[in-house]
Protein backbone atom coordinates (compact mmCIF):
# COMPACT_ATOMS: atom_id res chain seq x y z
CA MET A 1 139.86 -38.40 38.75
CA SER A 2 143.33 -37.92 37.28
CA LEU A 3 144.12 -34.64 35.55
CA LYS A 4 146.83 -34.13 32.96
CA PRO A 5 149.68 -31.67 33.62
CA ARG A 6 148.57 -28.08 33.21
CA PRO A 7 150.65 -24.96 32.49
CA VAL A 8 150.44 -22.33 35.25
CA VAL A 9 152.51 -19.78 33.31
CA GLU A 10 155.07 -20.32 30.56
CA ASP A 11 157.48 -23.12 31.55
CA VAL A 12 155.74 -23.68 34.90
CA TYR A 13 153.44 -26.70 35.23
CA TRP A 14 151.03 -28.18 37.73
CA VAL A 15 151.85 -31.90 38.04
CA GLY A 16 149.75 -32.72 41.10
CA VAL A 17 147.41 -35.59 41.86
CA ASN A 18 143.94 -36.09 43.31
CA ASP A 19 143.37 -38.34 46.29
CA ASP A 20 139.76 -39.52 46.22
CA VAL A 21 140.46 -42.60 48.36
CA ARG A 22 141.70 -41.26 51.67
CA GLU A 23 138.76 -40.74 54.04
CA LEU A 24 140.49 -38.71 56.76
CA PHE A 25 143.23 -36.12 56.31
CA GLU A 26 145.89 -36.62 59.00
CA SER A 27 143.62 -39.50 60.10
CA LEU A 28 141.46 -36.82 61.73
CA TRP A 29 139.59 -34.61 59.28
CA PRO A 30 136.88 -35.94 56.90
CA LEU A 31 137.51 -35.80 53.15
CA PRO A 32 134.09 -36.43 51.62
CA PHE A 33 135.24 -34.72 48.42
CA GLY A 34 138.87 -35.85 48.45
CA ILE A 35 141.93 -33.62 48.38
CA SER A 36 144.57 -32.63 45.86
CA TYR A 37 148.32 -32.83 46.40
CA ASN A 38 149.58 -30.00 44.25
CA ALA A 39 153.13 -30.15 42.93
CA TYR A 40 154.84 -28.00 40.34
CA VAL A 41 157.65 -28.02 37.79
CA VAL A 42 159.65 -24.87 36.97
CA ILE A 43 161.73 -25.13 33.80
CA GLY A 44 164.66 -22.76 33.29
CA ARG A 45 167.19 -22.61 30.47
CA GLU A 46 169.87 -24.23 32.61
CA ALA A 47 168.02 -26.37 35.13
CA VAL A 48 164.62 -27.64 36.26
CA ALA A 49 163.19 -27.52 39.78
CA LEU A 50 160.36 -29.53 41.25
CA ILE A 51 158.32 -27.63 43.83
CA ASP A 52 157.36 -30.31 46.35
CA THR A 53 156.22 -33.81 45.33
CA VAL A 54 153.25 -35.91 46.48
CA ASP A 55 152.06 -38.65 48.82
CA SER A 56 153.98 -41.89 48.30
CA ARG A 57 150.89 -43.74 47.04
CA PHE A 58 150.93 -41.54 43.95
CA THR A 59 154.64 -41.72 43.12
CA TYR A 60 154.26 -43.27 39.68
CA GLU A 61 151.35 -41.09 38.59
CA TYR A 62 153.39 -38.06 39.64
CA ILE A 63 156.64 -39.15 38.01
CA GLY A 64 154.75 -39.85 34.77
CA LYS A 65 153.46 -36.28 34.75
CA VAL A 66 156.93 -34.90 35.46
CA ARG A 67 158.36 -36.93 32.57
CA GLU A 68 155.62 -35.64 30.27
CA VAL A 69 156.60 -31.99 30.81
CA VAL A 70 160.36 -32.32 31.41
CA GLY A 71 161.42 -35.25 29.24
CA ASP A 72 165.05 -35.73 30.31
CA PHE A 73 165.27 -36.26 34.08
CA ASP A 74 168.93 -35.19 34.04
CA ARG A 75 167.68 -31.62 33.64
CA ILE A 76 166.09 -31.77 37.10
CA ARG A 77 168.61 -30.42 39.61
CA TYR A 78 166.43 -29.33 42.52
CA ILE A 79 163.48 -30.59 44.55
CA VAL A 80 162.22 -27.72 46.70
CA VAL A 81 160.98 -28.83 50.11
CA ASN A 82 158.60 -26.13 51.28
CA HIS A 83 157.24 -28.45 53.96
CA LEU A 84 158.25 -31.95 55.06
CA GLU A 85 154.97 -33.71 55.80
CA PRO A 86 154.42 -36.95 53.86
CA ASP A 87 151.46 -35.59 51.87
CA HIS A 88 154.03 -33.22 50.34
CA HIS A 89 157.11 -35.45 50.21
CA GLY A 90 156.21 -39.07 50.87
CA ALA A 91 157.27 -39.85 47.30
CA THR A 92 160.55 -37.92 47.49
CA PRO A 93 162.94 -40.68 48.66
CA ASP A 94 161.91 -42.88 45.71
CA ILE A 95 162.05 -39.93 43.33
CA LEU A 96 165.63 -39.18 44.38
CA GLY A 97 166.46 -42.70 43.22
CA ILE A 98 164.79 -42.09 39.87
CA ILE A 99 166.33 -38.61 39.38
CA PRO A 100 169.99 -39.05 40.45
CA LYS A 101 171.13 -35.47 39.80
CA ALA A 102 168.43 -33.81 41.90
CA ARG A 103 169.14 -32.37 45.34
CA LEU A 104 166.69 -31.27 48.00
CA VAL A 105 166.41 -27.58 48.83
CA THR A 106 165.21 -26.93 52.37
CA SER A 107 165.43 -24.48 55.26
CA GLN A 108 167.89 -24.85 58.12
CA MET A 109 165.14 -26.17 60.35
CA GLY A 110 163.99 -28.45 57.55
CA SER A 111 167.44 -30.03 57.38
CA ARG A 112 167.22 -30.80 61.09
CA VAL A 113 163.73 -32.27 60.99
CA LEU A 114 164.15 -34.17 57.72
CA SER A 115 166.06 -37.11 59.20
CA SER A 116 163.25 -37.82 61.65
CA ILE A 117 160.89 -38.57 58.74
CA TYR A 118 163.03 -39.71 55.78
CA ARG A 119 166.35 -41.45 55.17
CA ILE A 120 168.14 -39.16 52.71
CA SER A 121 171.89 -38.72 52.40
CA SER A 122 173.18 -35.34 53.57
CA ASN A 123 175.11 -34.87 50.30
CA ARG A 124 171.79 -34.59 48.50
CA ILE A 125 170.55 -31.72 50.66
CA ILE A 126 171.06 -27.99 50.04
CA VAL A 127 170.31 -25.81 53.07
CA ILE A 128 169.18 -22.29 52.21
CA LYS A 129 168.59 -19.17 54.29
CA ASP A 130 165.65 -16.80 54.26
CA GLY A 131 165.84 -14.72 51.08
CA ASP A 132 168.29 -16.99 49.23
CA ARG A 133 167.79 -17.46 45.49
CA ILE A 134 168.42 -20.14 42.90
CA ASP A 135 168.64 -19.08 39.25
CA LEU A 136 167.46 -21.81 36.89
CA GLY A 137 168.19 -19.64 33.86
CA GLY A 138 165.47 -17.06 33.33
CA LYS A 139 163.50 -18.48 36.26
CA THR A 140 164.63 -17.30 39.69
CA LEU A 141 163.35 -18.96 42.85
CA ARG A 142 163.44 -16.92 46.05
CA PHE A 143 162.90 -18.73 49.33
CA ILE A 144 160.95 -17.01 52.11
CA TYR A 145 160.99 -18.56 55.57
CA THR A 146 157.47 -18.71 57.08
CA PRO A 147 157.85 -20.75 60.27
CA TRP A 148 154.80 -22.35 61.88
CA LEU A 149 152.65 -22.32 58.76
CA HIS A 150 152.12 -24.86 60.10
CA TRP A 151 155.41 -26.57 61.03
CA PRO A 152 158.61 -24.92 62.27
CA GLU A 153 160.53 -25.61 59.03
CA THR A 154 157.95 -24.28 56.59
CA MET A 155 158.90 -21.88 53.81
CA VAL A 156 157.25 -20.58 50.66
CA THR A 157 158.89 -20.19 47.26
CA TYR A 158 158.49 -17.13 45.04
CA LEU A 159 159.13 -17.22 41.29
CA GLU A 160 160.39 -13.71 40.68
CA GLU A 161 159.96 -13.34 36.91
CA ASP A 162 156.36 -14.58 36.87
CA LYS A 163 155.30 -13.35 40.33
CA VAL A 164 154.06 -16.81 41.36
CA LEU A 165 153.96 -17.70 45.05
CA PHE A 166 154.17 -21.42 45.79
CA SER A 167 152.55 -21.06 49.20
CA CYS A 168 152.70 -24.59 50.59
CA ASP A 169 149.85 -25.27 53.07
CA ALA A 170 148.95 -21.60 53.37
CA PHE A 171 145.83 -20.78 51.33
CA GLY A 172 145.11 -24.49 50.85
CA SER A 173 141.75 -26.23 50.67
CA TYR A 174 140.16 -29.63 50.96
CA GLY A 175 138.47 -31.02 47.86
CA SER A 176 140.08 -32.73 44.89
CA LEU A 177 140.35 -30.79 41.63
CA GLN A 178 137.72 -32.31 39.37
CA ASP A 179 136.89 -29.69 36.75
CA GLY A 180 140.07 -27.65 36.58
CA ILE A 181 142.88 -26.33 38.74
CA PHE A 182 142.33 -22.54 38.69
CA ASP A 183 139.94 -20.36 40.65
CA ASP A 184 138.29 -19.15 37.42
CA GLU A 185 137.50 -22.75 36.40
CA LEU A 186 135.96 -24.00 39.64
CA ASP A 187 132.98 -23.52 41.97
CA MET A 188 134.76 -21.23 44.39
CA ASP A 189 131.87 -21.06 46.85
CA PHE A 190 132.56 -24.74 47.53
CA TYR A 191 136.35 -24.43 47.63
CA LEU A 192 136.38 -21.32 49.82
CA ASP A 193 134.10 -23.09 52.28
CA GLU A 194 136.52 -26.02 52.29
CA ALA A 195 139.44 -23.58 52.58
CA LYS A 196 137.89 -22.23 55.78
CA ARG A 197 137.46 -25.74 57.14
CA TYR A 198 141.06 -26.53 56.19
CA PHE A 199 142.23 -23.32 57.90
CA SER A 200 140.29 -24.16 61.07
CA ASN A 201 141.58 -27.74 61.18
CA ILE A 202 145.22 -27.19 60.22
CA VAL A 203 146.28 -23.55 60.54
CA ILE A 204 144.17 -21.78 63.16
CA LYS A 205 146.54 -22.46 66.05
CA TYR A 206 149.14 -20.39 64.20
CA THR A 207 147.15 -17.24 63.41
CA ARG A 208 149.88 -15.00 64.81
CA ASN A 209 152.31 -16.65 62.39
CA VAL A 210 149.81 -16.19 59.55
CA LEU A 211 149.68 -12.47 60.21
CA GLU A 212 153.48 -12.29 60.46
CA ALA A 213 153.81 -14.05 57.11
CA LEU A 214 151.26 -11.73 55.48
CA GLU A 215 153.20 -8.76 56.81
CA LYS A 216 156.44 -10.22 55.48
CA LEU A 217 154.90 -10.68 52.02
CA LYS A 218 153.02 -7.38 51.86
CA ASN A 219 155.50 -5.70 49.49
CA THR A 220 155.84 -8.74 47.24
CA GLU A 221 153.88 -8.51 44.00
CA ILE A 222 151.88 -11.72 43.71
CA ARG A 223 149.99 -12.48 40.51
CA ILE A 224 149.33 -16.16 41.21
CA ILE A 225 149.10 -18.15 44.45
CA ALA A 226 149.82 -21.84 43.94
CA PRO A 227 149.15 -23.74 47.19
CA SER A 228 149.79 -27.39 48.00
CA HIS A 229 146.09 -28.27 48.21
CA GLY A 230 143.07 -26.98 46.34
CA PRO A 231 142.68 -24.30 43.66
CA ILE A 232 145.42 -22.14 42.19
CA TYR A 233 144.45 -18.47 42.54
CA ARG A 234 145.20 -16.63 39.30
CA SER A 235 142.12 -14.45 38.74
CA ASP A 236 141.82 -13.05 42.28
CA PRO A 237 144.72 -14.03 44.58
CA ARG A 238 143.91 -11.17 46.96
CA LYS A 239 140.63 -12.80 47.95
CA ILE A 240 142.16 -15.78 49.74
CA VAL A 241 144.83 -13.54 51.29
CA GLU A 242 142.19 -11.25 52.77
CA LEU A 243 140.16 -14.22 53.98
CA TYR A 244 143.23 -15.55 55.80
CA ARG A 245 143.73 -12.12 57.33
CA ARG A 246 140.10 -12.02 58.47
CA TRP A 247 140.06 -15.57 59.80
CA SER A 248 143.24 -14.85 61.75
CA GLN A 249 141.63 -11.85 63.50
CA PRO A 250 138.27 -12.81 65.07
CA SER A 251 135.70 -10.22 64.02
CA PRO A 252 133.50 -9.01 66.88
CA GLU A 253 131.18 -7.35 64.39
CA ARG A 254 129.63 -10.69 63.49
CA ASP A 255 126.58 -11.53 65.57
CA ARG A 256 127.21 -15.24 65.20
CA VAL A 257 126.78 -17.68 68.07
CA ALA A 258 127.87 -21.29 67.77
CA LEU A 259 125.79 -23.49 70.03
CA ILE A 260 127.43 -26.83 70.75
CA TYR A 261 125.37 -29.30 72.69
CA GLY A 262 125.06 -32.90 73.75
CA SER A 263 122.07 -34.70 75.17
CA MET A 264 121.96 -38.29 76.37
CA TYR A 265 118.17 -38.74 76.31
CA GLY A 266 116.96 -35.60 74.57
CA ARG A 267 115.92 -33.75 77.72
CA GLY A 268 118.68 -31.19 77.43
CA GLU A 269 117.43 -30.27 73.98
CA THR A 270 114.53 -28.41 75.57
CA ILE A 271 117.05 -26.03 77.14
CA VAL A 272 118.92 -25.80 73.84
CA GLU A 273 115.75 -24.92 71.93
CA HIS A 274 114.89 -22.27 74.51
CA ILE A 275 118.34 -20.63 74.21
CA ILE A 276 118.16 -20.70 70.40
CA GLU A 277 114.70 -19.12 70.43
CA LYS A 278 115.67 -16.34 72.83
CA LEU A 279 118.95 -15.49 71.06
CA SER A 280 117.27 -15.55 67.65
CA GLN A 281 114.72 -13.04 68.90
CA LYS A 282 117.65 -10.71 69.57
CA ASN A 283 118.78 -11.03 65.93
CA LEU A 284 121.74 -13.25 66.68
CA LYS A 285 122.55 -15.90 64.09
CA ILE A 286 122.76 -19.30 65.76
CA ILE A 287 124.82 -22.17 64.33
CA PRO A 288 123.93 -25.35 66.27
CA HIS A 289 126.02 -28.51 66.43
CA ASN A 290 125.10 -31.75 68.19
CA VAL A 291 128.45 -33.22 69.30
CA SER A 292 127.08 -36.74 68.89
CA THR A 293 126.53 -36.22 65.15
CA SER A 294 128.72 -33.27 64.06
CA HIS A 295 132.38 -33.99 63.38
CA PRO A 296 134.80 -31.61 65.16
CA SER A 297 136.18 -30.61 61.74
CA TYR A 298 132.92 -28.86 60.87
CA ILE A 299 132.44 -27.44 64.36
CA LEU A 300 135.90 -25.85 64.18
CA SER A 301 135.04 -24.36 60.80
CA ASP A 302 131.92 -22.69 62.15
CA LEU A 303 133.83 -21.28 65.12
CA VAL A 304 136.19 -19.33 62.82
CA GLU A 305 133.60 -16.58 62.37
CA SER A 306 131.62 -17.09 65.59
CA TYR A 307 132.46 -14.67 68.35
CA ILE A 308 130.52 -16.48 71.07
CA THR A 309 130.15 -20.21 71.64
CA VAL A 310 127.53 -21.68 73.97
CA PHE A 311 128.21 -25.14 75.42
CA VAL A 312 125.20 -27.11 76.68
CA TYR A 313 125.96 -30.63 77.83
CA PRO A 314 125.21 -33.29 80.47
CA SER A 315 127.57 -34.72 83.03
CA TYR A 316 128.47 -38.36 82.35
CA ASP A 317 129.94 -40.71 84.96
CA ALA A 318 130.91 -37.64 87.02
CA GLY A 319 132.77 -36.27 84.02
CA ILE A 320 132.03 -34.15 80.95
CA PHE A 321 129.88 -35.83 78.30
CA PRO A 322 132.62 -37.69 76.32
CA TYR A 323 131.91 -36.28 72.86
CA MET A 324 131.78 -32.78 74.33
CA GLU A 325 135.05 -33.31 76.18
CA ASP A 326 136.67 -34.52 72.96
CA VAL A 327 135.62 -31.33 71.19
CA MET A 328 136.83 -29.15 74.05
CA ARG A 329 140.22 -30.83 74.07
CA ILE A 330 140.56 -30.27 70.33
CA PHE A 331 139.64 -26.62 70.94
CA GLN A 332 142.39 -26.49 73.54
CA LEU A 333 144.89 -28.07 71.16
CA LYS A 334 143.99 -25.61 68.41
CA GLN A 335 143.71 -22.61 70.78
CA ILE A 336 140.59 -21.57 68.91
CA GLY A 337 139.14 -19.67 71.87
CA ARG A 338 141.60 -16.78 71.57
CA GLY A 339 139.63 -13.57 71.09
CA ARG A 340 136.32 -15.38 71.62
CA TYR A 341 133.78 -15.87 74.41
CA ALA A 342 132.18 -19.01 75.81
CA ALA A 343 129.00 -19.62 77.83
CA ILE A 344 128.43 -22.81 79.81
CA VAL A 345 125.27 -24.71 80.70
CA ASN A 346 125.96 -27.99 82.51
CA ILE A 347 123.00 -30.33 82.97
CA TYR A 348 123.41 -32.93 85.71
CA ALA A 349 121.51 -35.27 88.01
CA TRP A 350 124.04 -35.77 90.79
CA ALA A 351 127.46 -34.33 89.82
CA SER A 352 128.20 -30.99 88.21
CA THR A 353 131.25 -30.86 85.92
CA ALA A 354 131.24 -27.13 85.23
CA LYS A 355 134.62 -26.60 86.91
CA GLN A 356 136.26 -29.09 84.54
CA THR A 357 134.67 -27.32 81.59
CA ILE A 358 135.81 -23.88 82.75
CA GLU A 359 139.37 -25.17 83.00
CA LEU A 360 139.33 -26.71 79.51
CA LEU A 361 137.75 -23.69 77.83
CA THR A 362 140.02 -21.24 79.61
CA LYS A 363 143.05 -23.23 78.44
CA ALA A 364 141.59 -23.11 74.92
CA GLY A 365 141.70 -19.31 75.15
CA PHE A 366 138.02 -18.50 75.70
CA ARG A 367 136.81 -15.75 78.00
CA ILE A 368 133.89 -17.03 80.05
CA ILE A 369 130.52 -15.26 80.14
CA GLU A 370 128.89 -15.35 83.59
CA PRO A 371 126.94 -16.89 85.15
CA ILE A 372 128.01 -20.49 84.82
CA VAL A 373 124.73 -22.39 84.74
CA GLU A 374 124.57 -25.71 86.59
CA THR A 375 121.06 -27.14 86.27
CA LYS A 376 118.97 -30.26 86.51
CA ALA A 377 117.44 -31.64 83.31
CA ILE A 378 114.18 -30.06 84.52
CA PRO A 379 115.37 -26.68 85.82
CA ASP A 380 113.85 -25.24 88.98
CA GLU A 381 112.88 -21.58 89.26
CA GLU A 382 116.31 -20.44 90.40
CA GLU A 383 118.06 -22.34 87.59
CA LEU A 384 115.64 -20.87 85.03
CA LYS A 385 116.56 -17.40 86.25
CA LYS A 386 120.25 -18.17 85.78
CA ILE A 387 119.60 -19.37 82.22
CA GLU A 388 117.74 -16.14 81.44
CA THR A 389 120.54 -14.07 82.96
CA LEU A 390 123.11 -15.95 80.89
CA ILE A 391 121.07 -15.39 77.70
CA ASN A 392 120.89 -11.66 78.44
CA ASN A 393 124.63 -11.53 79.12
CA ILE A 394 125.37 -13.31 75.83
CA VAL A 395 123.32 -10.68 74.00
CA ASP A 396 125.02 -7.86 75.93
CA THR A 397 128.47 -9.27 75.18
CA SER A 398 127.69 -9.50 71.48
CA ARG A 399 126.37 -5.97 71.33
CA ARG A 400 129.11 -4.50 73.46
CA GLU A 401 131.87 -6.09 71.40
CA SER A 402 130.14 -5.22 68.12
CA THR A 403 129.82 -1.59 69.14
CA SER A 404 133.42 -1.32 70.39
CA SER A 405 134.76 -2.66 67.09
CA GLN A 406 133.04 -0.03 64.95
């Protein structure tokens, strides 16, 4: 669904596009409800700036919207590059050909990385420093360097007169914008859920950098947050900021346990059901995921607010069950285990793989709850005792951490 340009504030327009065709974001993360590529136009008395552009497949839709709000392309002098990825700037090389007087505005690191992705002449690039400003005539853009949100060159742009923060990927969400562009026009339960999934898929590795950016921005008055994906926050911008703060600091007060399991023939599910029953009796909220049917995108999202994760899986060809190993390696890549605990139950017939799992989960940042359970598909008495001990230790860990955080 294509939306017309929308004013954000006076002389500032949303000129983004919806992508309802792409199935996987970054060729990894499912987009069952599409995604928006938000771009903006800021019109001053003396010049016009474009805040990011769009994916190259939407160049002509985007340029038509820009023409609708700007009219004369000669007024456009700047294209702000908050972030270089092609979903933000795939269209930019062609747009520079259409708008000959425009120059790119990017960070020092952006100028270094740019040539690895695009072929753009250096005389069309303006390199700015943290805190630099460009005055468009009654509209002043201030550039704030926010590295590793989520690339090293990333910055955000602040419109001083109107207190609008163009936040790039920070505070973004999956989901195309079907019924509006603002938080007071949309079903925010849906978009905030997709914002958490987006955070867990794209940003969670850089939580330290998130907190540094929030600290850097804490004295900046922000009336509107305009991200590169998903809703624009004008009625309650603090809400998404506080959610980012919370998601970046795992909360031990939440008695949530993610239980991730795999089972080749269903026998391991008996152990899974037993663990779920026992933990539920202790008032822990269990979020189960079968790795054979749950995409890692959704598993990551549920781990954001889960303090403990239980892994129950079979060995396979003397290795970790492949779907489980895939998930663990993604966890390692995203470093999602930091500040969280993991429990391990390895089911095997002739070769335990618990040591491999411990190594992967430790590298992902998890602290391991003892004992490590290595068991046959039909546990013997000693293995059943270990499972019960592990269940008790999971409960104790949850209660201990919950109490210490109060």
